[in-house]
Every structure is written in structure tokens, then in C-alpha cells.
Amino acid sequence: AIRWTWGNTVYADSVKGRFTISRD
């Protein structure tokens, strides 16, 4: 998940290091 304005993110342990969330 990502906060739209601030860019704070959180990841499930199962995907940390493999998946990256971002927004444009």
C-alpha cells in the first residue's frame, strides 16, 4: 500500500524485496 500524497509504503513480508509499489 502507498499513501498517495506522501509516498509512505508498507509491504507484506512475502513480497518484500521483490515487489515495489509506486505512483505517478
PDB file of all heavy atoms in Angstrom:
ATOM      1  N   ALA A   1       0.837  -1.191   0.000  1.00  0.00           N
ATOM      2  CA  ALA A   1       0.000   0.000   0.000  1.00  0.00           C
ATOM      3  C   ALA A   1       0.874   1.244   0.000  1.00  0.00           C
ATOM      4  O   ALA A   1       2.025   1.215   0.455  1.00  0.00           O
ATOM      5  CB  ALA A   1      -0.939   0.015   1.200  1.00  0.00           C
ATOM      6  N   ILE A   2       0.309   2.334  -0.489  1.00  0.00           N
ATOM      7  CA  ILE A   2       1.030   3.597  -0.559  1.00  0.00           C
ATOM      8  C   ILE A   2       0.069   4.747  -0.286  1.00  0.00           C
ATOM      9  O   ILE A   2      -1.065   4.754  -0.767  1.00  0.00           O
ATOM     10  CB  ILE A   2       1.720   3.757  -1.937  1.00  0.00           C
ATOM     11  CG1 ILE A   2       2.588   5.018  -1.971  1.00  0.00           C
ATOM     12  CG2 ILE A   2       0.704   3.766  -3.076  1.00  0.00           C
ATOM     13  CD1 ILE A   2       3.509   5.074  -3.188  1.00  0.00           C
ATOM     14  N   ARG A   3       0.517   5.701   0.504  1.00  0.00           N
ATOM     15  CA  ARG A   3      -0.240   6.937   0.684  1.00  0.00           C
ATOM     16  C   ARG A   3       0.055   7.834  -0.500  1.00  0.00           C
ATOM     17  O   ARG A   3       1.218   8.120  -0.812  1.00  0.00           O
ATOM     18  CB  ARG A   3       0.143   7.632   1.989  1.00  0.00           C
ATOM     19  CG  ARG A   3      -0.287   6.876   3.233  1.00  0.00           C
ATOM     20  CD  ARG A   3      -0.977   7.795   4.214  1.00  0.00           C
ATOM     21  NE  ARG A   3      -2.276   8.259   3.715  1.00  0.00           N
ATOM     22  CZ  ARG A   3      -3.030   9.168   4.328  1.00  0.00           C
ATOM     23  NH1 ARG A   3      -2.618   9.720   5.460  1.00  0.00           N
ATOM     24  NH2 ARG A   3      -4.198   9.520   3.812  1.00  0.00           N
ATOM     25  N   TRP A   4      -0.995   8.271  -1.153  1.00  0.00           N
ATOM     26  CA  TRP A   4      -0.841   8.945  -2.424  1.00  0.00           C
ATOM     27  C   TRP A   4       0.034  10.187  -2.336  1.00  0.00           C
ATOM     28  O   TRP A   4       0.967  10.348  -3.126  1.00  0.00           O
ATOM     29  CB  TRP A   4      -2.214   9.320  -2.991  1.00  0.00           C
ATOM     30  CG  TRP A   4      -2.105   9.906  -4.357  1.00  0.00           C
ATOM     31  CD1 TRP A   4      -2.155  11.219  -4.700  1.00  0.00           C
ATOM     32  CD2 TRP A   4      -1.876   9.184  -5.567  1.00  0.00           C
ATOM     33  NE1 TRP A   4      -1.988  11.368  -6.052  1.00  0.00           N
ATOM     34  CE2 TRP A   4      -1.819  10.135  -6.608  1.00  0.00           C
ATOM     35  CE3 TRP A   4      -1.722   7.821  -5.864  1.00  0.00           C
ATOM     36  CZ2 TRP A   4      -1.610   9.770  -7.939  1.00  0.00           C
ATOM     37  CZ3 TRP A   4      -1.506   7.458  -7.184  1.00  0.00           C
ATOM     38  CH2 TRP A   4      -1.459   8.434  -8.193  1.00  0.00           C
ATOM     39  N   THR A   5      -0.244  11.060  -1.409  1.00  0.00           N
ATOM     40  CA  THR A   5       0.445  12.339  -1.339  1.00  0.00           C
ATOM     41  C   THR A   5       1.855  12.216  -0.783  1.00  0.00           C
ATOM     42  O   THR A   5       2.793  12.817  -1.312  1.00  0.00           O
ATOM     43  CB  THR A   5      -0.362  13.336  -0.503  1.00  0.00           C
ATOM     44  OG1 THR A   5      -1.606  13.608  -1.162  1.00  0.00           O
ATOM     45  CG2 THR A   5       0.399  14.646  -0.329  1.00  0.00           C
ATOM     46  N   TRP A   6       2.009  11.451   0.271  1.00  0.00           N
ATOM     47  CA  TRP A   6       3.285  11.407   0.981  1.00  0.00           C
ATOM     48  C   TRP A   6       4.220  10.292   0.530  1.00  0.00           C
ATOM     49  O   TRP A   6       5.423  10.364   0.782  1.00  0.00           O
ATOM     50  CB  TRP A   6       3.026  11.291   2.487  1.00  0.00           C
ATOM     51  CG  TRP A   6       2.296  12.478   3.013  1.00  0.00           C
ATOM     52  CD1 TRP A   6       2.837  13.650   3.427  1.00  0.00           C
ATOM     53  CD2 TRP A   6       0.883  12.610   3.156  1.00  0.00           C
ATOM     54  NE1 TRP A   6       1.849  14.516   3.826  1.00  0.00           N
ATOM     55  CE2 TRP A   6       0.635  13.907   3.670  1.00  0.00           C
ATOM     56  CE3 TRP A   6      -0.204  11.769   2.907  1.00  0.00           C
ATOM     57  CZ2 TRP A   6      -0.651  14.370   3.933  1.00  0.00           C
ATOM     58  CZ3 TRP A   6      -1.489  12.236   3.166  1.00  0.00           C
ATOM     59  CH2 TRP A   6      -1.699  13.519   3.673  1.00  0.00           C
ATOM     60  N   GLY A   7       3.690   9.283  -0.104  1.00  0.00           N
ATOM     61  CA  GLY A   7       4.522   8.208  -0.602  1.00  0.00           C
ATOM     62  C   GLY A   7       4.905   7.157   0.415  1.00  0.00           C
ATOM     63  O   GLY A   7       5.719   6.276   0.091  1.00  0.00           O
ATOM     64  N   ASN A   8       4.374   7.225   1.614  1.00  0.00           N
ATOM     65  CA  ASN A   8       4.643   6.189   2.606  1.00  0.00           C
ATOM     66  C   ASN A   8       4.155   4.849   2.088  1.00  0.00           C
ATOM     67  O   ASN A   8       3.082   4.768   1.488  1.00  0.00           O
ATOM     68  CB  ASN A   8       3.934   6.497   3.921  1.00  0.00           C
ATOM     69  CG  ASN A   8       4.203   7.898   4.416  1.00  0.00           C
ATOM     70  OD1 ASN A   8       3.698   8.876   3.845  1.00  0.00           O
ATOM     71  ND2 ASN A   8       4.982   8.000   5.485  1.00  0.00           N
ATOM     72  N   THR A   9       4.917   3.807   2.334  1.00  0.00           N
ATOM     73  CA  THR A   9       4.571   2.489   1.821  1.00  0.00           C
ATOM     74  C   THR A   9       4.636   1.434   2.908  1.00  0.00           C
ATOM     75  O   THR A   9       5.307   1.602   3.928  1.00  0.00           O
ATOM     76  CB  THR A   9       5.499   2.066   0.678  1.00  0.00           C
ATOM     77  OG1 THR A   9       6.847   2.019   1.158  1.00  0.00           O
ATOM     78  CG2 THR A   9       5.416   3.037  -0.482  1.00  0.00           C
ATOM     79  N   VAL A  10       3.953   0.340   2.662  1.00  0.00           N
ATOM     80  CA  VAL A  10       4.023  -0.833   3.512  1.00  0.00           C
ATOM     81  C   VAL A  10       3.937  -2.051   2.599  1.00  0.00           C
ATOM     82  O   VAL A  10       3.245  -2.020   1.575  1.00  0.00           O
ATOM     83  CB  VAL A  10       2.915  -0.837   4.590  1.00  0.00           C
ATOM     84  CG1 VAL A  10       1.534  -0.868   3.952  1.00  0.00           C
ATOM     85  CG2 VAL A  10       3.100  -1.987   5.558  1.00  0.00           C
ATOM     86  N   TYR A  11       4.656  -3.120   2.973  1.00  0.00           N
ATOM     87  CA  TYR A  11       4.693  -4.335   2.177  1.00  0.00           C
ATOM     88  C   TYR A  11       4.424  -5.551   3.038  1.00  0.00           C
ATOM     89  O   TYR A  11       4.824  -5.612   4.199  1.00  0.00           O
ATOM     90  CB  TYR A  11       6.060  -4.519   1.522  1.00  0.00           C
ATOM     91  CG  TYR A  11       6.394  -3.491   0.473  1.00  0.00           C
ATOM     92  CD1 TYR A  11       7.056  -2.321   0.809  1.00  0.00           C
ATOM     93  CD2 TYR A  11       6.060  -3.709  -0.859  1.00  0.00           C
ATOM     94  CE1 TYR A  11       7.369  -1.379  -0.155  1.00  0.00           C
ATOM     95  CE2 TYR A  11       6.368  -2.770  -1.826  1.00  0.00           C
ATOM     96  CZ  TYR A  11       7.025  -1.610  -1.472  1.00  0.00           C
ATOM     97  OH  TYR A  11       7.332  -0.683  -2.442  1.00  0.00           O
ATOM     98  N   ALA A  12       3.778  -6.529   2.440  1.00  0.00           N
ATOM     99  CA  ALA A  12       3.680  -7.832   3.070  1.00  0.00           C
ATOM    100  C   ALA A  12       5.059  -8.488   3.089  1.00  0.00           C
ATOM    101  O   ALA A  12       5.860  -8.304   2.171  1.00  0.00           O
ATOM    102  CB  ALA A  12       2.692  -8.713   2.316  1.00  0.00           C
ATOM    103  N   ASP A  13       5.325  -9.253   4.137  1.00  0.00           N
ATOM    104  CA  ASP A  13       6.621  -9.916   4.240  1.00  0.00           C
ATOM    105  C   ASP A  13       6.898 -10.819   3.041  1.00  0.00           C
ATOM    106  O   ASP A  13       8.050 -10.972   2.624  1.00  0.00           O
ATOM    107  CB  ASP A  13       6.689 -10.733   5.524  1.00  0.00           C
ATOM    108  CG  ASP A  13       6.787  -9.872   6.766  1.00  0.00           C
ATOM    109  OD1 ASP A  13       7.157  -8.686   6.652  1.00  0.00           O
ATOM    110  OD2 ASP A  13       6.504 -10.388   7.862  1.00  0.00           O
ATOM    111  N   SER A  14       5.861 -11.396   2.493  1.00  0.00           N
ATOM    112  CA  SER A  14       6.034 -12.348   1.414  1.00  0.00           C
ATOM    113  C   SER A  14       6.569 -11.731   0.126  1.00  0.00           C
ATOM    114  O   SER A  14       7.085 -12.453  -0.731  1.00  0.00           O
ATOM    115  CB  SER A  14       4.702 -13.053   1.123  1.00  0.00           C
ATOM    116  OG  SER A  14       3.714 -12.118   0.728  1.00  0.00           O
ATOM    117  N   VAL A  15       6.457 -10.412  -0.012  1.00  0.00           N
ATOM    118  CA  VAL A  15       6.881  -9.771  -1.254  1.00  0.00           C
ATOM    119  C   VAL A  15       7.961  -8.722  -1.049  1.00  0.00           C
ATOM    120  O   VAL A  15       8.410  -8.112  -2.034  1.00  0.00           O
ATOM    121  CB  VAL A  15       5.685  -9.148  -2.004  1.00  0.00           C
ATOM    122  CG1 VAL A  15       4.639 -10.208  -2.301  1.00  0.00           C
ATOM    123  CG2 VAL A  15       5.081  -8.003  -1.196  1.00  0.00           C
ATOM    124  N   LYS A  16       8.392  -8.506   0.158  1.00  0.00           N
ATOM    125  CA  LYS A  16       9.459  -7.542   0.409  1.00  0.00           C
ATOM    126  C   LYS A  16      10.716  -7.930  -0.360  1.00  0.00           C
ATOM    127  O   LYS A  16      11.134  -9.082  -0.358  1.00  0.00           O
ATOM    128  CB  LYS A  16       9.780  -7.463   1.896  1.00  0.00           C
ATOM    129  CG  LYS A  16       8.751  -6.718   2.722  1.00  0.00           C
ATOM    130  CD  LYS A  16       9.158  -6.675   4.182  1.00  0.00           C
ATOM    131  CE  LYS A  16       8.140  -5.915   5.011  1.00  0.00           C
ATOM    132  NZ  LYS A  16       8.486  -5.923   6.452  1.00  0.00           N
ATOM    133  N   GLY A  17      11.296  -6.950  -1.026  1.00  0.00           N
ATOM    134  CA  GLY A  17      12.492  -7.196  -1.799  1.00  0.00           C
ATOM    135  C   GLY A  17      12.229  -7.634  -3.222  1.00  0.00           C
ATOM    136  O   GLY A  17      13.157  -7.632  -4.041  1.00  0.00           O
ATOM    137  N   ARG A  18      11.001  -8.006  -3.531  1.00  0.00           N
ATOM    138  CA  ARG A  18      10.648  -8.422  -4.887  1.00  0.00           C
ATOM    139  C   ARG A  18       9.655  -7.481  -5.551  1.00  0.00           C
ATOM    140  O   ARG A  18       9.733  -7.252  -6.758  1.00  0.00           O
ATOM    141  CB  ARG A  18      10.067  -9.833  -4.894  1.00  0.00           C
ATOM    142  CG  ARG A  18      11.042 -10.909  -4.478  1.00  0.00           C
ATOM    143  CD  ARG A  18      10.495 -12.287  -4.831  1.00  0.00           C
ATOM    144  NE  ARG A  18       9.228 -12.564  -4.161  1.00  0.00           N
ATOM    145  CZ  ARG A  18       8.111 -12.928  -4.795  1.00  0.00           C
ATOM    146  NH1 ARG A  18       8.101 -13.060  -6.114  1.00  0.00           N
ATOM    147  NH2 ARG A  18       7.010 -13.173  -4.106  1.00  0.00           N
ATOM    148  N   PHE A  19       8.711  -6.972  -4.788  1.00  0.00           N
ATOM    149  CA  PHE A  19       7.661  -6.104  -5.325  1.00  0.00           C
ATOM    150  C   PHE A  19       7.889  -4.677  -4.854  1.00  0.00           C
ATOM    151  O   PHE A  19       8.319  -4.442  -3.716  1.00  0.00           O
ATOM    152  CB  PHE A  19       6.282  -6.555  -4.850  1.00  0.00           C
ATOM    153  CG  PHE A  19       5.803  -7.860  -5.420  1.00  0.00           C
ATOM    154  CD1 PHE A  19       6.637  -8.691  -6.155  1.00  0.00           C
ATOM    155  CD2 PHE A  19       4.484  -8.255  -5.218  1.00  0.00           C
ATOM    156  CE1 PHE A  19       6.193  -9.893  -6.670  1.00  0.00           C
ATOM    157  CE2 PHE A  19       4.026  -9.453  -5.726  1.00  0.00           C
ATOM    158  CZ  PHE A  19       4.865 -10.273  -6.446  1.00  0.00           C
ATOM    159  N   THR A  20       7.567  -3.722  -5.720  1.00  0.00           N
ATOM    160  CA  THR A  20       7.675  -2.316  -5.387  1.00  0.00           C
ATOM    161  C   THR A  20       6.424  -1.583  -5.838  1.00  0.00           C
ATOM    162  O   THR A  20       6.032  -1.684  -7.004  1.00  0.00           O
ATOM    163  CB  THR A  20       8.900  -1.667  -6.044  1.00  0.00           C
ATOM    164  OG1 THR A  20      10.087  -2.367  -5.663  1.00  0.00           O
ATOM    165  CG2 THR A  20       9.027  -0.209  -5.615  1.00  0.00           C
ATOM    166  N   ILE A  21       5.823  -0.838  -4.928  1.00  0.00           N
ATOM    167  CA  ILE A  21       4.664  -0.033  -5.268  1.00  0.00           C
ATOM    168  C   ILE A  21       5.120   1.404  -5.514  1.00  0.00           C
ATOM    169  O   ILE A  21       6.025   1.906  -4.847  1.00  0.00           O
ATOM    170  CB  ILE A  21       3.590  -0.096  -4.160  1.00  0.00           C
ATOM    171  CG1 ILE A  21       2.269   0.502  -4.640  1.00  0.00           C
ATOM    172  CG2 ILE A  21       4.064   0.588  -2.886  1.00  0.00           C
ATOM    173  CD1 ILE A  21       1.105   0.250  -3.685  1.00  0.00           C
ATOM    174  N   SER A  22       4.496   2.053  -6.474  1.00  0.00           N
ATOM    175  CA  SER A  22       4.812   3.443  -6.774  1.00  0.00           C
ATOM    176  C   SER A  22       3.603   4.093  -7.410  1.00  0.00           C
ATOM    177  O   SER A  22       2.618   3.420  -7.735  1.00  0.00           O
ATOM    178  CB  SER A  22       6.032   3.546  -7.692  1.00  0.00           C
ATOM    179  OG  SER A  22       5.783   2.924  -8.940  1.00  0.00           O
ATOM    180  N   ARG A  23       3.667   5.407  -7.571  1.00  0.00           N
ATOM    181  CA  ARG A  23       2.569   6.097  -8.226  1.00  0.00           C
ATOM    182  C   ARG A  23       3.098   7.240  -9.071  1.00  0.00           C
ATOM    183  O   ARG A  23       4.175   7.778  -8.821  1.00  0.00           O
ATOM    184  CB  ARG A  23       1.527   6.596  -7.213  1.00  0.00           C
ATOM    185  CG  ARG A  23       1.818   7.948  -6.544  1.00  0.00           C
ATOM    186  CD  ARG A  23       2.879   7.830  -5.498  1.00  0.00           C
ATOM    187  NE  ARG A  23       2.898   8.983  -4.605  1.00  0.00           N
ATOM    188  CZ  ARG A  23       4.005   9.514  -4.112  1.00  0.00           C
ATOM    189  NH1 ARG A  23       5.199   8.965  -4.405  1.00  0.00           N
ATOM    190  NH2 ARG A  23       3.930  10.559  -3.306  1.00  0.00           N
ATOM    191  N   ASP A  24       2.322   7.587 -10.076  1.00  0.00           N
ATOM    192  CA  ASP A  24       2.615   8.690 -10.966  1.00  0.00           C
ATOM    193  C   ASP A  24       1.435   9.645 -10.876  1.00  0.00           C
ATOM    194  O   ASP A  24       0.361   9.372 -11.419  1.00  0.00           O
ATOM    195  CB  ASP A  24       2.811   8.185 -12.394  1.00  0.00           C
ATOM    196  CG  ASP A  24       3.241   9.277 -13.352  1.00  0.00           C
ATOM    197  OD1 ASP A  24       2.954  10.458 -13.103  1.00  0.00           O
ATOM    198  OD2 ASP A  24       3.879   8.931 -14.369  1.00  0.00           O
TER     199      ASP A  24
END
